[in-house]
Amino acid sequence: MNSGNTRCLETEVHDALSKSPYLVRKRVNCEARDGRVVLRGEVGTYFQKQMATEVLRSVDGIDEIENHLEVIWR
């Protein structure tokens, strides 16, 4: 996958995450390369962490999701 496709996939991932009502105002960053997405950042619950993965299952072009989100209770 070239860098243009990588940017496109990252854009699609950011769009999908930003549309999720479970992840509003959460600090979630992603890296996408060759169909692999790595999530990093902080969320408030384990449910939100799982929902980040579930949201991305519907995005075309993703073959693998690594969820490294940290749950920070506030």
C-alpha atoms as a PDB file:
ATOM      1  CA  MET A   1       0.000   0.000   0.000  1.00  0.00           C
ATOM      2  CA  ASN A   2       1.429   3.356  -0.945  1.00  0.00           C
ATOM      3  CA  SER A   3       1.464   6.455   1.225  1.00  0.00           C
ATOM      4  CA  GLY A   4      -1.631   7.855  -0.516  1.00  0.00           C
ATOM      5  CA  ASN A   5      -3.628   4.771   0.387  1.00  0.00           C
ATOM      6  CA  THR A   6      -2.246   4.896   3.925  1.00  0.00           C
ATOM      7  CA  ARG A   7      -3.409   8.509   4.326  1.00  0.00           C
ATOM      8  CA  CYS A   8      -6.799   7.577   2.890  1.00  0.00           C
ATOM      9  CA  LEU A   9      -7.160   4.689   5.344  1.00  0.00           C
ATOM     10  CA  GLU A  10      -6.101   6.896   8.259  1.00  0.00           C
ATOM     11  CA  THR A  11      -8.695   9.461   7.185  1.00  0.00           C
ATOM     12  CA  GLU A  12     -11.398   6.794   7.055  1.00  0.00           C
ATOM     13  CA  VAL A  13     -10.377   5.520  10.492  1.00  0.00           C
ATOM     14  CA  HIS A  14     -10.439   9.049  11.982  1.00  0.00           C
ATOM     15  CA  ASP A  15     -13.841   9.699  10.388  1.00  0.00           C
ATOM     16  CA  ALA A  16     -15.302   6.456  11.746  1.00  0.00           C
ATOM     17  CA  LEU A  17     -13.966   7.091  15.248  1.00  0.00           C
ATOM     18  CA  SER A  18     -15.155  10.706  15.300  1.00  0.00           C
ATOM     19  CA  LYS A  19     -18.698   9.643  14.324  1.00  0.00           C
ATOM     20  CA  SER A  20     -18.990   7.178  17.195  1.00  0.00           C
ATOM     21  CA  PRO A  21     -21.090   8.554  20.071  1.00  0.00           C
ATOM     22  CA  TYR A  22     -19.018   6.428  22.465  1.00  0.00           C
ATOM     23  CA  LEU A  23     -15.767   8.152  21.583  1.00  0.00           C
ATOM     24  CA  VAL A  24     -16.738  11.823  21.534  1.00  0.00           C
ATOM     25  CA  ARG A  25     -13.963  14.009  22.949  1.00  0.00           C
ATOM     26  CA  LYS A  26     -11.670  11.040  23.584  1.00  0.00           C
ATOM     27  CA  ARG A  27      -7.976  11.144  22.820  1.00  0.00           C
ATOM     28  CA  VAL A  28      -7.645   8.370  20.257  1.00  0.00           C
ATOM     29  CA  ASN A  29      -4.806   8.367  17.742  1.00  0.00           C
ATOM     30  CA  CYS A  30      -4.230   5.873  14.990  1.00  0.00           C
ATOM     31  CA  GLU A  31      -1.514   4.681  12.673  1.00  0.00           C
ATOM     32  CA  ALA A  32      -2.497   2.820   9.507  1.00  0.00           C
ATOM     33  CA  ARG A  33      -0.215   0.924   7.179  1.00  0.00           C
ATOM     34  CA  ASP A  34      -0.818  -1.967   4.810  1.00  0.00           C
ATOM     35  CA  GLY A  35      -4.261  -2.738   6.234  1.00  0.00           C
ATOM     36  CA  ARG A  36      -3.034  -2.698   9.826  1.00  0.00           C
ATOM     37  CA  VAL A  37      -4.384  -0.098  12.239  1.00  0.00           C
ATOM     38  CA  VAL A  38      -2.876   0.628  15.649  1.00  0.00           C
ATOM     39  CA  LEU A  39      -4.952   2.607  18.145  1.00  0.00           C
ATOM     40  CA  ARG A  40      -3.288   4.549  20.954  1.00  0.00           C
ATOM     41  CA  GLY A  41      -4.579   7.047  23.453  1.00  0.00           C
ATOM     42  CA  GLU A  42      -6.883   7.231  26.438  1.00  0.00           C
ATOM     43  CA  VAL A  43     -10.532   6.377  27.027  1.00  0.00           C
ATOM     44  CA  GLY A  44     -12.616   6.348  30.196  1.00  0.00           C
ATOM     45  CA  THR A  45     -13.985   2.787  30.169  1.00  0.00           C
ATOM     46  CA  TYR A  46     -13.263  -0.683  28.859  1.00  0.00           C
ATOM     47  CA  PHE A  47     -16.533  -0.426  26.927  1.00  0.00           C
ATOM     48  CA  GLN A  48     -15.189   2.594  25.020  1.00  0.00           C
ATOM     49  CA  LYS A  49     -11.976   0.700  24.310  1.00  0.00           C
ATOM     50  CA  GLN A  50     -13.951  -2.194  22.842  1.00  0.00           C
ATOM     51  CA  MET A  51     -16.240   0.134  20.880  1.00  0.00           C
ATOM     52  CA  ALA A  52     -13.205   1.693  19.181  1.00  0.00           C
ATOM     53  CA  THR A  53     -12.359  -1.730  17.767  1.00  0.00           C
ATOM     54  CA  GLU A  54     -15.975  -2.495  16.854  1.00  0.00           C
ATOM     55  CA  VAL A  55     -16.373   0.803  14.974  1.00  0.00           C
ATOM     56  CA  LEU A  56     -13.357   0.000  12.810  1.00  0.00           C
ATOM     57  CA  ARG A  57     -14.566  -3.485  11.838  1.00  0.00           C
ATOM     58  CA  SER A  58     -16.844  -1.868   9.242  1.00  0.00           C
ATOM     59  CA  VAL A  59     -14.074   0.183   7.567  1.00  0.00           C
ATOM     60  CA  ASP A  60     -12.954  -1.257   4.239  1.00  0.00           C
ATOM     61  CA  GLY A  61      -9.249  -1.892   3.869  1.00  0.00           C
ATOM     62  CA  ILE A  62      -8.554  -2.876   7.470  1.00  0.00           C
ATOM     63  CA  ASP A  63      -7.177  -6.388   7.900  1.00  0.00           C
ATOM     64  CA  GLU A  64      -5.850  -6.100  11.447  1.00  0.00           C
ATOM     65  CA  ILE A  65      -6.638  -3.867  14.437  1.00  0.00           C
ATOM     66  CA  GLU A  66      -4.287  -3.490  17.388  1.00  0.00           C
ATOM     67  CA  ASN A  67      -5.993  -1.714  20.241  1.00  0.00           C
ATOM     68  CA  HIS A  68      -3.455  -0.170  22.623  1.00  0.00           C
ATOM     69  CA  LEU A  69      -5.919   2.282  24.150  1.00  0.00           C
ATOM     70  CA  GLU A  70      -5.384   2.891  27.836  1.00  0.00           C
ATOM     71  CA  VAL A  71      -8.362   3.026  30.172  1.00  0.00           C
ATOM     72  CA  ILE A  72      -8.054   5.985  32.541  1.00  0.00           C
ATOM     73  CA  TRP A  73     -10.753   6.191  35.201  1.00  0.00           C
ATOM     74  CA  ARG A  74     -11.620   9.806  36.015  1.00  0.00           C
END
